[in-house]
PDB file of N, CA and C in Angstrom:
ATOM      1  N   UNK A   1     -89.758 -23.565  57.336  1.00  0.00           N
ATOM      2  CA  UNK A   1     -89.071 -22.564  58.131  1.00  0.00           C
ATOM      3  C   UNK A   1     -87.584 -22.886  58.205  1.00  0.00           C
ATOM      4  N   UNK A   2     -87.253 -24.146  58.316  1.00  0.00           N
ATOM      5  CA  UNK A   2     -85.843 -24.537  58.391  1.00  0.00           C
ATOM      6  C   UNK A   2     -85.114 -24.133  57.106  1.00  0.00           C
ATOM      7  N   UNK A   3     -85.698 -24.360  55.942  1.00  0.00           N
ATOM      8  CA  UNK A   3     -85.059 -24.036  54.662  1.00  0.00           C
ATOM      9  C   UNK A   3     -84.857 -22.527  54.535  1.00  0.00           C
ATOM     10  N   UNK A   4     -85.834 -21.780  54.983  1.00  0.00           N
ATOM     11  CA  UNK A   4     -85.737 -20.331  54.915  1.00  0.00           C
ATOM     12  C   UNK A   4     -84.574 -19.832  55.777  1.00  0.00           C
ATOM     13  N   UNK A   5     -84.431 -20.400  56.951  1.00  0.00           N
ATOM     14  CA  UNK A   5     -83.369 -20.011  57.878  1.00  0.00           C
ATOM     15  C   UNK A   5     -81.985 -20.368  57.312  1.00  0.00           C
ATOM     16  N   UNK A   6     -81.854 -21.560  56.763  1.00  0.00           N
ATOM     17  CA  UNK A   6     -80.581 -21.994  56.167  1.00  0.00           C
ATOM     18  C   UNK A   6     -80.243 -21.093  54.986  1.00  0.00           C
ATOM     19  N   UNK A   7     -81.230 -20.749  54.193  1.00  0.00           N
ATOM     20  CA  UNK A   7     -81.003 -19.876  53.039  1.00  0.00           C
ATOM     21  C   UNK A   7     -80.482 -18.506  53.462  1.00  0.00           C
ATOM     22  N   UNK A   8     -81.073 -17.942  54.505  1.00  0.00           N
ATOM     23  CA  UNK A   8     -80.652 -16.642  55.011  1.00  0.00           C
ATOM     24  C   UNK A   8     -79.230 -16.714  55.559  1.00  0.00           C
ATOM     25  N   UNK A   9     -78.912 -17.769  56.279  1.00  0.00           N
ATOM     26  CA  UNK A   9     -77.563 -17.947  56.836  1.00  0.00           C
ATOM     27  C   UNK A   9     -76.544 -18.088  55.714  1.00  0.00           C
ATOM     28  N   UNK A  10     -76.920 -18.802  54.671  1.00  0.00           N
ATOM     29  CA  UNK A  10     -76.009 -18.980  53.542  1.00  0.00           C
ATOM     30  C   UNK A  10     -75.733 -17.638  52.864  1.00  0.00           C
ATOM     31  N   UNK A  11     -76.763 -16.825  52.705  1.00  0.00           N
ATOM     32  CA  UNK A  11     -76.584 -15.502  52.102  1.00  0.00           C
ATOM     33  C   UNK A  11     -75.687 -14.638  52.979  1.00  0.00           C
ATOM     34  N   UNK A  12     -75.926 -14.645  54.265  1.00  0.00           N
ATOM     35  CA  UNK A  12     -75.101 -13.857  55.188  1.00  0.00           C
ATOM     36  C   UNK A  12     -73.659 -14.354  55.174  1.00  0.00           C
ATOM     37  N   UNK A  13     -73.471 -15.666  55.205  1.00  0.00           N
ATOM     38  CA  UNK A  13     -72.115 -16.232  55.173  1.00  0.00           C
ATOM     39  C   UNK A  13     -71.415 -15.853  53.872  1.00  0.00           C
ATOM     40  N   UNK A  14     -72.142 -15.874  52.771  1.00  0.00           N
ATOM     41  CA  UNK A  14     -71.547 -15.487  51.484  1.00  0.00           C
ATOM     42  C   UNK A  14     -71.212 -14.019  51.432  1.00  0.00           C
ATOM     43  N   UNK A  15     -72.007 -13.186  52.072  1.00  0.00           N
ATOM     44  CA  UNK A  15     -71.751 -11.738  52.086  1.00  0.00           C
ATOM     45  C   UNK A  15     -70.435 -11.423  52.778  1.00  0.00           C
ATOM     46  N   UNK A  16     -70.083 -12.155  53.803  1.00  0.00           N
ATOM     47  CA  UNK A  16     -68.831 -11.903  54.521  1.00  0.00           C
ATOM     48  C   UNK A  16     -67.617 -12.161  53.642  1.00  0.00           C
ATOM     49  N   UNK A  17     -67.786 -12.982  52.643  1.00  0.00           N
ATOM     50  CA  UNK A  17     -66.672 -13.235  51.721  1.00  0.00           C
ATOM     51  C   UNK A  17     -66.490 -12.073  50.755  1.00  0.00           C
ATOM     52  N   UNK A  18     -67.528 -11.328  50.479  1.00  0.00           N
ATOM     53  CA  UNK A  18     -67.473 -10.216  49.530  1.00  0.00           C
ATOM     54  C   UNK A  18     -67.090  -8.912  50.214  1.00  0.00           C
ATOM     55  N   UNK A  19     -67.564  -8.673  51.407  1.00  0.00           N
ATOM     56  CA  UNK A  19     -67.370  -7.404  52.106  1.00  0.00           C
ATOM     57  C   UNK A  19     -65.909  -6.974  52.191  1.00  0.00           C
ATOM     58  N   UNK A  20     -64.959  -7.833  52.573  1.00  0.00           N
ATOM     59  CA  UNK A  20     -63.574  -7.366  52.657  1.00  0.00           C
ATOM     60  C   UNK A  20     -63.035  -6.808  51.347  1.00  0.00           C
ATOM     61  N   UNK A  21     -63.433  -7.374  50.222  1.00  0.00           N
ATOM     62  CA  UNK A  21     -62.981  -6.870  48.930  1.00  0.00           C
ATOM     63  C   UNK A  21     -63.526  -5.478  48.697  1.00  0.00           C
ATOM     64  N   UNK A  22     -64.795  -5.261  48.993  1.00  0.00           N
ATOM     65  CA  UNK A  22     -65.421  -3.959  48.823  1.00  0.00           C
ATOM     66  C   UNK A  22     -64.756  -2.934  49.728  1.00  0.00           C
ATOM     67  N   UNK A  23     -64.494  -3.286  50.963  1.00  0.00           N
ATOM     68  CA  UNK A  23     -63.855  -2.375  51.907  1.00  0.00           C
ATOM     69  C   UNK A  23     -62.478  -1.972  51.406  1.00  0.00           C
ATOM     70  N   UNK A  24     -61.711  -2.901  50.891  1.00  0.00           N
ATOM     71  CA  UNK A  24     -60.377  -2.599  50.386  1.00  0.00           C
ATOM     72  C   UNK A  24     -60.466  -1.640  49.212  1.00  0.00           C
ATOM     73  N   UNK A  25     -61.406  -1.849  48.316  1.00  0.00           N
ATOM     74  CA  UNK A  25     -61.536  -0.972  47.163  1.00  0.00           C
ATOM     75  C   UNK A  25     -61.877   0.447  47.581  1.00  0.00           C
ATOM     76  N   UNK A  26     -62.792   0.612  48.516  1.00  0.00           N
ATOM     77  CA  UNK A  26     -63.157   1.944  48.960  1.00  0.00           C
ATOM     78  C   UNK A  26     -62.074   2.569  49.818  1.00  0.00           C
ATOM     79  N   UNK A  27     -61.338   1.783  50.561  1.00  0.00           N
ATOM     80  CA  UNK A  27     -60.261   2.310  51.395  1.00  0.00           C
ATOM     81  C   UNK A  27     -59.127   2.859  50.549  1.00  0.00           C
ATOM     82  N   UNK A  28     -58.893   2.317  49.374  1.00  0.00           N
ATOM     83  CA  UNK A  28     -57.792   2.769  48.525  1.00  0.00           C
ATOM     84  C   UNK A  28     -58.140   4.050  47.776  1.00  0.00           C
ATOM     85  N   UNK A  29     -59.399   4.348  47.585  1.00  0.00           N
ATOM     86  CA  UNK A  29     -59.802   5.493  46.786  1.00  0.00           C
ATOM     87  C   UNK A  29     -59.308   6.838  47.318  1.00  0.00           C
ATOM     88  N   UNK A  30     -59.425   7.174  48.616  1.00  0.00           N
ATOM     89  CA  UNK A  30     -58.982   8.487  49.068  1.00  0.00           C
ATOM     90  C   UNK A  30     -57.488   8.743  48.837  1.00  0.00           C
ATOM     91  N   UNK A  31     -56.650   7.746  48.972  1.00  0.00           N
ATOM     92  CA  UNK A  31     -55.215   7.941  48.776  1.00  0.00           C
ATOM     93  C   UNK A  31     -54.919   8.358  47.345  1.00  0.00           C
ATOM     94  N   UNK A  32     -55.653   7.816  46.391  1.00  0.00           N
ATOM     95  CA  UNK A  32     -55.451   8.177  45.004  1.00  0.00           C
ATOM     96  C   UNK A  32     -55.964   9.577  44.725  1.00  0.00           C
ATOM     97  N   UNK A  33     -56.994  10.014  45.435  1.00  0.00           N
ATOM     98  CA  UNK A  33     -57.589  11.320  45.208  1.00  0.00           C
ATOM     99  C   UNK A  33     -56.703  12.448  45.735  1.00  0.00           C
ATOM    100  N   UNK A  34     -55.730  12.137  46.587  1.00  0.00           N
ATOM    101  CA  UNK A  34     -54.898  13.158  47.186  1.00  0.00           C
ATOM    102  C   UNK A  34     -53.550  13.284  46.484  1.00  0.00           C
ATOM    103  N   UNK A  35     -53.569  13.294  45.165  1.00  0.00           N
ATOM    104  CA  UNK A  35     -52.331  13.444  44.408  1.00  0.00           C
ATOM    105  C   UNK A  35     -51.742  14.831  44.695  1.00  0.00           C
ATOM    106  N   UNK A  36     -50.440  14.917  44.892  1.00  0.00           N
ATOM    107  CA  UNK A  36     -49.834  16.207  45.210  1.00  0.00           C
ATOM    108  C   UNK A  36     -49.920  17.168  44.035  1.00  0.00           C
ATOM    109  N   UNK A  37     -50.058  18.433  44.338  1.00  0.00           N
ATOM    110  CA  UNK A  37     -50.085  19.495  43.349  1.00  0.00           C
ATOM    111  C   UNK A  37     -48.686  19.619  42.744  1.00  0.00           C
ATOM    112  N   UNK A  38     -48.578  19.493  41.430  1.00  0.00           N
ATOM    113  CA  UNK A  38     -47.274  19.494  40.748  1.00  0.00           C
ATOM    114  C   UNK A  38     -46.509  20.791  40.994  1.00  0.00           C
ATOM    115  N   UNK A  39     -47.200  21.922  41.009  1.00  0.00           N
ATOM    116  CA  UNK A  39     -46.527  23.204  41.245  1.00  0.00           C
ATOM    117  C   UNK A  39     -45.964  23.275  42.662  1.00  0.00           C
ATOM    118  N   UNK A  40     -46.708  22.745  43.616  1.00  0.00           N
ATOM    119  CA  UNK A  40     -46.245  22.738  45.006  1.00  0.00           C
ATOM    120  C   UNK A  40     -45.030  21.825  45.169  1.00  0.00           C
ATOM    121  N   UNK A  41     -45.048  20.688  44.484  1.00  0.00           N
ATOM    122  CA  UNK A  41     -43.912  19.764  44.530  1.00  0.00           C
ATOM    123  C   UNK A  41     -42.677  20.425  43.928  1.00  0.00           C
ATOM    124  N   UNK A  42     -42.836  21.128  42.799  1.00  0.00           N
ATOM    125  CA  UNK A  42     -41.697  21.827  42.172  1.00  0.00           C
ATOM    126  C   UNK A  42     -41.145  22.910  43.095  1.00  0.00           C
ATOM    127  N   UNK A  43     -42.049  23.650  43.753  1.00  0.00           N
ATOM    128  CA  UNK A  43     -41.612  24.676  44.701  1.00  0.00           C
ATOM    129  C   UNK A  43     -40.821  24.028  45.834  1.00  0.00           C
ATOM    130  N   UNK A  44     -41.304  22.900  46.332  1.00  0.00           N
ATOM    131  CA  UNK A  44     -40.614  22.180  47.398  1.00  0.00           C
ATOM    132  C   UNK A  44     -39.256  21.676  46.971  1.00  0.00           C
ATOM    133  N   UNK A  45     -39.152  21.216  45.728  1.00  0.00           N
ATOM    134  CA  UNK A  45     -37.856  20.759  45.214  1.00  0.00           C
ATOM    135  C   UNK A  45     -36.871  21.925  45.164  1.00  0.00           C
ATOM    136  N   UNK A  46     -37.360  23.093  44.761  1.00  0.00           N
ATOM    137  CA  UNK A  46     -36.519  24.288  44.760  1.00  0.00           C
ATOM    138  C   UNK A  46     -36.068  24.653  46.165  1.00  0.00           C
ATOM    139  N   UNK A  47     -36.970  24.551  47.121  1.00  0.00           N
ATOM    140  CA  UNK A  47     -36.625  24.843  48.516  1.00  0.00           C
ATOM    141  C   UNK A  47     -35.596  23.857  49.055  1.00  0.00           C
ATOM    142  N   UNK A  48     -35.692  22.601  48.639  1.00  0.00           N
ATOM    143  CA  UNK A  48     -34.716  21.593  49.052  1.00  0.00           C
ATOM    144  C   UNK A  48     -33.310  22.055  48.658  1.00  0.00           C
ATOM    145  N   UNK A  49     -33.201  22.620  47.473  1.00  0.00           N
ATOM    146  CA  UNK A  49     -31.905  23.104  46.979  1.00  0.00           C
ATOM    147  C   UNK A  49     -31.531  24.439  47.633  1.00  0.00           C
ATOM    148  N   UNK A  50     -32.487  25.374  47.693  1.00  0.00           N
ATOM    149  CA  UNK A  50     -32.224  26.702  48.261  1.00  0.00           C
ATOM    150  C   UNK A  50     -31.825  26.638  49.737  1.00  0.00           C
ATOM    151  N   UNK A  51     -32.475  25.785  50.487  1.00  0.00           N
ATOM    152  CA  UNK A  51     -32.206  25.678  51.921  1.00  0.00           C
ATOM    153  C   UNK A  51     -30.950  24.856  52.217  1.00  0.00           C
ATOM    154  N   UNK A  52     -30.374  24.251  51.183  1.00  0.00           N
ATOM    155  CA  UNK A  52     -29.154  23.477  51.368  1.00  0.00           C
ATOM    156  C   UNK A  52     -29.372  22.115  52.017  1.00  0.00           C
ATOM    157  N   UNK A  53     -30.561  21.565  51.877  1.00  0.00           N
ATOM    158  CA  UNK A  53     -30.870  20.266  52.476  1.00  0.00           C
ATOM    159  C   UNK A  53     -29.930  19.177  51.956  1.00  0.00           C
ATOM    160  N   UNK A  54     -29.484  19.347  50.719  1.00  0.00           N
ATOM    161  CA  UNK A  54     -28.579  18.375  50.096  1.00  0.00           C
ATOM    162  C   UNK A  54     -27.200  18.367  50.753  1.00  0.00           C
ATOM    163  N   UNK A  55     -26.911  19.339  51.591  1.00  0.00           N
ATOM    164  CA  UNK A  55     -25.641  19.364  52.307  1.00  0.00           C
ATOM    165  C   UNK A  55     -25.525  18.230  53.317  1.00  0.00           C
ATOM    166  N   UNK A  56     -26.665  17.726  53.765  1.00  0.00           N
ATOM    167  CA  UNK A  56     -26.691  16.607  54.719  1.00  0.00           C
ATOM    168  C   UNK A  56     -27.419  15.394  54.166  1.00  0.00           C
ATOM    169  N   UNK A  57     -28.413  15.615  53.314  1.00  0.00           N
ATOM    170  CA  UNK A  57     -29.282  14.540  52.811  1.00  0.00           C
ATOM    171  C   UNK A  57     -29.000  14.234  51.349  1.00  0.00           C
ATOM    172  N   UNK A  58     -29.411  13.049  50.929  1.00  0.00           N
ATOM    173  CA  UNK A  58     -29.368  12.687  49.522  1.00  0.00           C
ATOM    174  C   UNK A  58     -30.770  12.368  49.035  1.00  0.00           C
ATOM    175  N   UNK A  59     -30.969  12.636  47.758  1.00  0.00           N
ATOM    176  CA  UNK A  59     -32.161  12.208  47.031  1.00  0.00           C
ATOM    177  C   UNK A  59     -31.624  11.615  45.742  1.00  0.00           C
ATOM    178  N   UNK A  60     -31.702  10.313  45.627  1.00  0.00           N
ATOM    179  CA  UNK A  60     -31.076   9.633  44.494  1.00  0.00           C
ATOM    180  C   UNK A  60     -29.562   9.772  44.624  1.00  0.00           C
ATOM    181  N   UNK A  61     -28.941  10.301  43.587  1.00  0.00           N
ATOM    182  CA  UNK A  61     -27.486  10.507  43.618  1.00  0.00           C
ATOM    183  C   UNK A  61     -27.131  11.948  43.956  1.00  0.00           C
ATOM    184  N   UNK A  62     -28.140  12.798  44.163  1.00  0.00           N
ATOM    185  CA  UNK A  62     -27.929  14.208  44.466  1.00  0.00           C
ATOM    186  C   UNK A  62     -27.805  14.405  45.968  1.00  0.00           C
ATOM    187  N   UNK A  63     -26.770  15.077  46.414  1.00  0.00           N
ATOM    188  CA  UNK A  63     -26.604  15.391  47.825  1.00  0.00           C
ATOM    189  C   UNK A  63     -25.382  14.739  48.429  1.00  0.00           C
ATOM    190  N   UNK A  64     -25.271  14.889  49.733  1.00  0.00           N
ATOM    191  CA  UNK A  64     -24.125  14.390  50.483  1.00  0.00           C
ATOM    192  C   UNK A  64     -24.490  13.097  51.184  1.00  0.00           C
ATOM    193  N   UNK A  65     -23.749  12.050  50.897  1.00  0.00           N
ATOM    194  CA  UNK A  65     -24.018  10.756  51.510  1.00  0.00           C
ATOM    195  C   UNK A  65     -23.310  10.637  52.856  1.00  0.00           C
ATOM    196  N   UNK A  66     -23.948   9.916  53.758  1.00  0.00           N
ATOM    197  CA  UNK A  66     -23.299   9.549  55.005  1.00  0.00           C
ATOM    198  C   UNK A  66     -23.480  10.498  56.173  1.00  0.00           C
ATOM    199  N   UNK A  67     -24.111  11.651  55.971  1.00  0.00           N
ATOM    200  CA  UNK A  67     -24.294  12.576  57.086  1.00  0.00           C
ATOM    201  C   UNK A  67     -25.671  12.391  57.725  1.00  0.00           C
ATOM    202  N   UNK A  68     -26.699  12.455  56.895  1.00  0.00           N
ATOM    203  CA  UNK A  68     -28.073  12.309  57.399  1.00  0.00           C
ATOM    204  C   UNK A  68     -28.827  11.330  56.497  1.00  0.00           C
ATOM    205  N   UNK A  69     -30.081  11.132  56.780  1.00  0.00           N
ATOM    206  CA  UNK A  69     -30.900  10.133  56.086  1.00  0.00           C
ATOM    207  C   UNK A  69     -30.976  10.377  54.581  1.00  0.00           C
ATOM    208  N   UNK A  70     -30.990   9.280  53.842  1.00  0.00           N
ATOM    209  CA  UNK A  70     -31.272   9.312  52.407  1.00  0.00           C
ATOM    210  C   UNK A  70     -32.781   9.501  52.290  1.00  0.00           C
ATOM    211  N   UNK A  71     -33.206  10.538  51.604  1.00  0.00           N
ATOM    212  CA  UNK A  71     -34.628  10.863  51.517  1.00  0.00           C
ATOM    213  C   UNK A  71     -35.269  10.385  50.224  1.00  0.00           C
ATOM    214  N   UNK A  72     -34.583   9.547  49.485  1.00  0.00           N
ATOM    215  CA  UNK A  72     -35.064   9.096  48.175  1.00  0.00           C
ATOM    216  C   UNK A  72     -36.444   8.452  48.211  1.00  0.00           C
ATOM    217  N   UNK A  73     -36.810   7.828  49.317  1.00  0.00           N
ATOM    218  CA  UNK A  73     -38.109   7.135  49.419  1.00  0.00           C
ATOM    219  C   UNK A  73     -38.874   7.553  50.671  1.00  0.00           C
ATOM    220  N   UNK A  74     -38.605   8.733  51.184  1.00  0.00           N
ATOM    221  CA  UNK A  74     -39.224   9.170  52.440  1.00  0.00           C
ATOM    222  C   UNK A  74     -40.743   9.281  52.326  1.00  0.00           C
ATOM    223  N   UNK A  75     -41.250   9.576  51.135  1.00  0.00           N
ATOM    224  CA  UNK A  75     -42.699   9.691  50.940  1.00  0.00           C
ATOM    225  C   UNK A  75     -43.435   8.377  51.097  1.00  0.00           C
ATOM    226  N   UNK A  76     -42.727   7.277  50.925  1.00  0.00           N
ATOM    227  CA  UNK A  76     -43.334   5.956  51.121  1.00  0.00           C
ATOM    228  C   UNK A  76     -43.394   5.595  52.602  1.00  0.00           C
ATOM    229  N   UNK A  77     -42.609   6.284  53.416  1.00  0.00           N
ATOM    230  CA  UNK A  77     -42.532   5.971  54.849  1.00  0.00           C
ATOM    231  C   UNK A  77     -43.383   6.906  55.708  1.00  0.00           C
ATOM    232  N   UNK A  78     -43.501   8.175  55.281  1.00  0.00           N
ATOM    233  CA  UNK A  78     -44.199   9.183  56.092  1.00  0.00           C
ATOM    234  C   UNK A  78     -45.166   9.980  55.225  1.00  0.00           C
ATOM    235  N   UNK A  79     -46.314  10.354  55.806  1.00  0.00           N
ATOM    236  CA  UNK A  79     -47.269  11.162  55.058  1.00  0.00           C
ATOM    237  C   UNK A  79     -46.878  12.645  55.118  1.00  0.00           C
ATOM    238  N   UNK A  80     -47.519  13.437  54.283  1.00  0.00           N
ATOM    239  CA  UNK A  80     -47.182  14.854  54.156  1.00  0.00           C
ATOM    240  C   UNK A  80     -47.434  15.614  55.457  1.00  0.00           C
ATOM    241  N   UNK A  81     -48.463  15.249  56.192  1.00  0.00           N
ATOM    242  CA  UNK A  81     -48.745  15.908  57.473  1.00  0.00           C
ATOM    243  C   UNK A  81     -47.603  15.740  58.454  1.00  0.00           C
ATOM    244  N   UNK A  82     -47.104  14.525  58.587  1.00  0.00           N
ATOM    245  CA  UNK A  82     -45.974  14.265  59.479  1.00  0.00           C
ATOM    246  C   UNK A  82     -44.743  15.026  58.999  1.00  0.00           C
ATOM    247  N   UNK A  83     -44.484  14.987  57.692  1.00  0.00           N
ATOM    248  CA  UNK A  83     -43.304  15.670  57.159  1.00  0.00           C
ATOM    249  C   UNK A  83     -43.377  17.173  57.388  1.00  0.00           C
ATOM    250  N   UNK A  84     -44.558  17.750  57.270  1.00  0.00           N
ATOM    251  CA  UNK A  84     -44.724  19.188  57.522  1.00  0.00           C
ATOM    252  C   UNK A  84     -44.389  19.516  58.971  1.00  0.00           C
ATOM    253  N   UNK A  85     -44.909  18.737  59.903  1.00  0.00           N
ATOM    254  CA  UNK A  85     -44.606  18.955  61.327  1.00  0.00           C
ATOM    255  C   UNK A  85     -43.114  18.787  61.590  1.00  0.00           C
ATOM    256  N   UNK A  86     -42.518  17.783  60.987  1.00  0.00           N
ATOM    257  CA  UNK A  86     -41.084  17.528  61.159  1.00  0.00           C
ATOM    258  C   UNK A  86     -40.278  18.737  60.676  1.00  0.00           C
ATOM    259  N   UNK A  87     -40.618  19.253  59.513  1.00  0.00           N
ATOM    260  CA  UNK A  87     -39.873  20.372  58.942  1.00  0.00           C
ATOM    261  C   UNK A  87     -40.017  21.646  59.769  1.00  0.00           C
ATOM    262  N   UNK A  88     -41.173  21.847  60.362  1.00  0.00           N
ATOM    263  CA  UNK A  88     -41.389  23.034  61.196  1.00  0.00           C
ATOM    264  C   UNK A  88     -40.593  22.958  62.491  1.00  0.00           C
ATOM    265  N   UNK A  89     -40.529  21.762  63.097  1.00  0.00           N
ATOM    266  CA  UNK A  89     -39.815  21.617  64.369  1.00  0.00           C
ATOM    267  C   UNK A  89     -39.430  20.146  64.570  1.00  0.00           C
ATOM    268  N   UNK A  90     -38.259  19.749  64.056  1.00  0.00           N
ATOM    269  CA  UNK A  90     -37.854  18.340  64.162  1.00  0.00           C
ATOM    270  C   UNK A  90     -37.817  17.812  65.593  1.00  0.00           C
ATOM    271  N   UNK A  91     -37.365  18.615  66.539  1.00  0.00           N
ATOM    272  CA  UNK A  91     -37.246  18.156  67.925  1.00  0.00           C
ATOM    273  C   UNK A  91     -38.607  17.862  68.553  1.00  0.00           C
ATOM    274  N   UNK A  92     -39.663  18.521  68.088  1.00  0.00           N
ATOM    275  CA  UNK A  92     -40.993  18.241  68.638  1.00  0.00           C
ATOM    276  C   UNK A  92     -41.490  16.861  68.177  1.00  0.00           C
ATOM    277  N   UNK A  93     -40.988  16.384  67.049  1.00  0.00           N
ATOM    278  CA  UNK A  93     -41.375  15.076  66.530  1.00  0.00           C
ATOM    279  C   UNK A  93     -40.474  13.970  67.069  1.00  0.00           C
ATOM    280  N   UNK A  94     -39.214  14.324  67.269  1.00  0.00           N
ATOM    281  CA  UNK A  94     -38.242  13.367  67.813  1.00  0.00           C
ATOM    282  C   UNK A  94     -37.238  14.161  68.642  1.00  0.00           C
ATOM    283  N   UNK A  95     -37.334  14.123  69.959  1.00  0.00           N
ATOM    284  CA  UNK A  95     -36.482  14.943  70.825  1.00  0.00           C
ATOM    285  C   UNK A  95     -34.978  14.755  70.604  1.00  0.00           C
ATOM    286  N   UNK A  96     -34.567  13.606  70.117  1.00  0.00           N
ATOM    287  CA  UNK A  96     -33.138  13.369  69.902  1.00  0.00           C
ATOM    288  C   UNK A  96     -32.696  13.701  68.468  1.00  0.00           C
ATOM    289  N   UNK A  97     -33.540  14.380  67.709  1.00  0.00           N
ATOM    290  CA  UNK A  97     -33.225  14.698  66.314  1.00  0.00           C
ATOM    291  C   UNK A  97     -31.999  15.600  66.218  1.00  0.00           C
ATOM    292  N   UNK A  98     -31.154  15.297  65.256  1.00  0.00           N
ATOM    293  CA  UNK A  98     -29.965  16.127  65.025  1.00  0.00           C
ATOM    294  C   UNK A  98     -30.240  17.227  64.019  1.00  0.00           C
ATOM    295  N   UNK A  99     -31.353  17.153  63.319  1.00  0.00           N
ATOM    296  CA  UNK A  99     -31.689  18.158  62.320  1.00  0.00           C
ATOM    297  C   UNK A  99     -32.058  19.467  63.014  1.00  0.00           C
ATOM    298  N   UNK A 100     -31.453  20.567  62.576  1.00  0.00           N
ATOM    299  CA  UNK A 100     -31.794  21.851  63.191  1.00  0.00           C
ATOM    300  C   UNK A 100     -33.158  22.349  62.723  1.00  0.00           C
ATOM    301  N   UNK A 101     -33.729  23.238  63.489  1.00  0.00           N
ATOM    302  CA  UNK A 101     -34.960  23.904  63.083  1.00  0.00           C
ATOM    303  C   UNK A 101     -34.556  24.947  62.046  1.00  0.00           C
ATOM    304  N   UNK A 102     -35.109  24.866  60.844  1.00  0.00           N
ATOM    305  CA  UNK A 102     -34.629  25.733  59.767  1.00  0.00           C
ATOM    306  C   UNK A 102     -35.494  26.960  59.506  1.00  0.00           C
ATOM    307  N   UNK A 103     -36.507  27.180  60.290  1.00  0.00           N
ATOM    308  CA  UNK A 103     -37.299  28.414  60.215  1.00  0.00           C
ATOM    309  C   UNK A 103     -38.073  28.594  58.919  1.00  0.00           C
ATOM    310  N   UNK A 104     -38.752  27.589  58.481  1.00  0.00           N
ATOM    311  CA  UNK A 104     -39.580  27.686  57.279  1.00  0.00           C
ATOM    312  C   UNK A 104     -40.927  28.309  57.618  1.00  0.00           C
ATOM    313  N   UNK A 105     -41.477  29.069  56.678  1.00  0.00           N
ATOM    314  CA  UNK A 105     -42.847  29.548  56.843  1.00  0.00           C
ATOM    315  C   UNK A 105     -43.776  28.351  56.677  1.00  0.00           C
ATOM    316  N   UNK A 106     -45.044  28.515  57.025  1.00  0.00           N
ATOM    317  CA  UNK A 106     -46.001  27.414  56.866  1.00  0.00           C
ATOM    318  C   UNK A 106     -46.095  26.981  55.403  1.00  0.00           C
ATOM    319  N   UNK A 107     -46.136  27.957  54.478  1.00  0.00           N
ATOM    320  CA  UNK A 107     -46.227  27.635  53.053  1.00  0.00           C
ATOM    321  C   UNK A 107     -44.981  26.912  52.563  1.00  0.00           C
ATOM    322  N   UNK A 108     -43.811  27.338  53.021  1.00  0.00           N
ATOM    323  CA  UNK A 108     -42.568  26.674  52.634  1.00  0.00           C
ATOM    324  C   UNK A 108     -42.518  25.242  53.166  1.00  0.00           C
ATOM    325  N   UNK A 109     -42.924  25.062  54.412  1.00  0.00           N
ATOM    326  CA  UNK A 109     -42.931  23.723  55.005  1.00  0.00           C
ATOM    327  C   UNK A 109     -43.884  22.803  54.245  1.00  0.00           C
ATOM    328  N   UNK A 110     -45.047  23.324  53.852  1.00  0.00           N
ATOM    329  CA  UNK A 110     -46.011  22.517  53.097  1.00  0.00           C
ATOM    330  C   UNK A 110     -45.456  22.144  51.728  1.00  0.00           C
ATOM    331  N   UNK A 111     -44.780  23.091  51.074  1.00  0.00           N
ATOM    332  CA  UNK A 111     -44.213  22.818  49.749  1.00  0.00           C
ATOM    333  C   UNK A 111     -43.083  21.786  49.850  1.00  0.00           C
ATOM    334  N   UNK A 112     -42.194  21.973  50.806  1.00  0.00           N
ATOM    335  CA  UNK A 112     -41.088  21.032  50.971  1.00  0.00           C
ATOM    336  C   UNK A 112     -41.613  19.652  51.362  1.00  0.00           C
ATOM    337  N   UNK A 113     -42.630  19.606  52.211  1.00  0.00           N
ATOM    338  CA  UNK A 113     -43.245  18.340  52.590  1.00  0.00           C
ATOM    339  C   UNK A 113     -43.916  17.678  51.393  1.00  0.00           C
ATOM    340  N   UNK A 114     -44.531  18.472  50.519  1.00  0.00           N
ATOM    341  CA  UNK A 114     -45.152  17.916  49.309  1.00  0.00           C
ATOM    342  C   UNK A 114     -44.089  17.278  48.418  1.00  0.00           C
ATOM    343  N   UNK A 115     -42.955  17.941  48.285  1.00  0.00           N
ATOM    344  CA  UNK A 115     -41.854  17.373  47.492  1.00  0.00           C
ATOM    345  C   UNK A 115     -41.344  16.074  48.116  1.00  0.00           C
ATOM    346  N   UNK A 116     -41.064  16.124  49.407  1.00  0.00           N
ATOM    347  CA  UNK A 116     -40.551  14.934  50.087  1.00  0.00           C
ATOM    348  C   UNK A 116     -41.577  13.798  50.048  1.00  0.00           C
ATOM    349  N   UNK A 117     -42.850  14.160  50.204  1.00  0.00           N
ATOM    350  CA  UNK A 117     -43.914  13.168  50.146  1.00  0.00           C
ATOM    351  C   UNK A 117     -44.055  12.520  48.779  1.00  0.00           C
ATOM    352  N   UNK A 118     -43.603  13.213  47.746  1.00  0.00           N
ATOM    353  CA  UNK A 118     -43.679  12.658  46.385  1.00  0.00           C
ATOM    354  C   UNK A 118     -42.542  11.686  46.097  1.00  0.00           C
ATOM    355  N   UNK A 119     -41.554  11.637  46.972  1.00  0.00           N
ATOM    356  CA  UNK A 119     -40.399  10.767  46.763  1.00  0.00           C
ATOM    357  C   UNK A 119     -40.741   9.356  47.230  1.00  0.00           C
ATOM    358  N   UNK A 120     -40.939   8.471  46.304  1.00  0.00           N
ATOM    359  CA  UNK A 120     -41.337   7.100  46.628  1.00  0.00           C
ATOM    360  C   UNK A 120     -40.402   6.183  45.949  1.00  0.00           C
TER     361      UNK A 120
END
């Protein structure tokens, strides 16, 4: 009985060493499955230009430096859901925001957020 108990404990102890690796692998899968739609990203890039976002922001070397945040890597910092809410009403996300509410439709906000979310 003692050997059986030690054997079971050893198996359980060994399983704990494997479980974290499995959890990490499965946790990473959904993020890869949510690749942005290329057409939506292109539409968002067009909106970035049409709405004049570059008048205050930069993406790479494009835009005006020194007025507002550089958005070159904003997608690595914020998810698309947050960016969509921000674009619809910046003050609701951060009451001290200097960015004006630009009156985007839901589809426009989603497209622009998809573009910004792709910037890593």
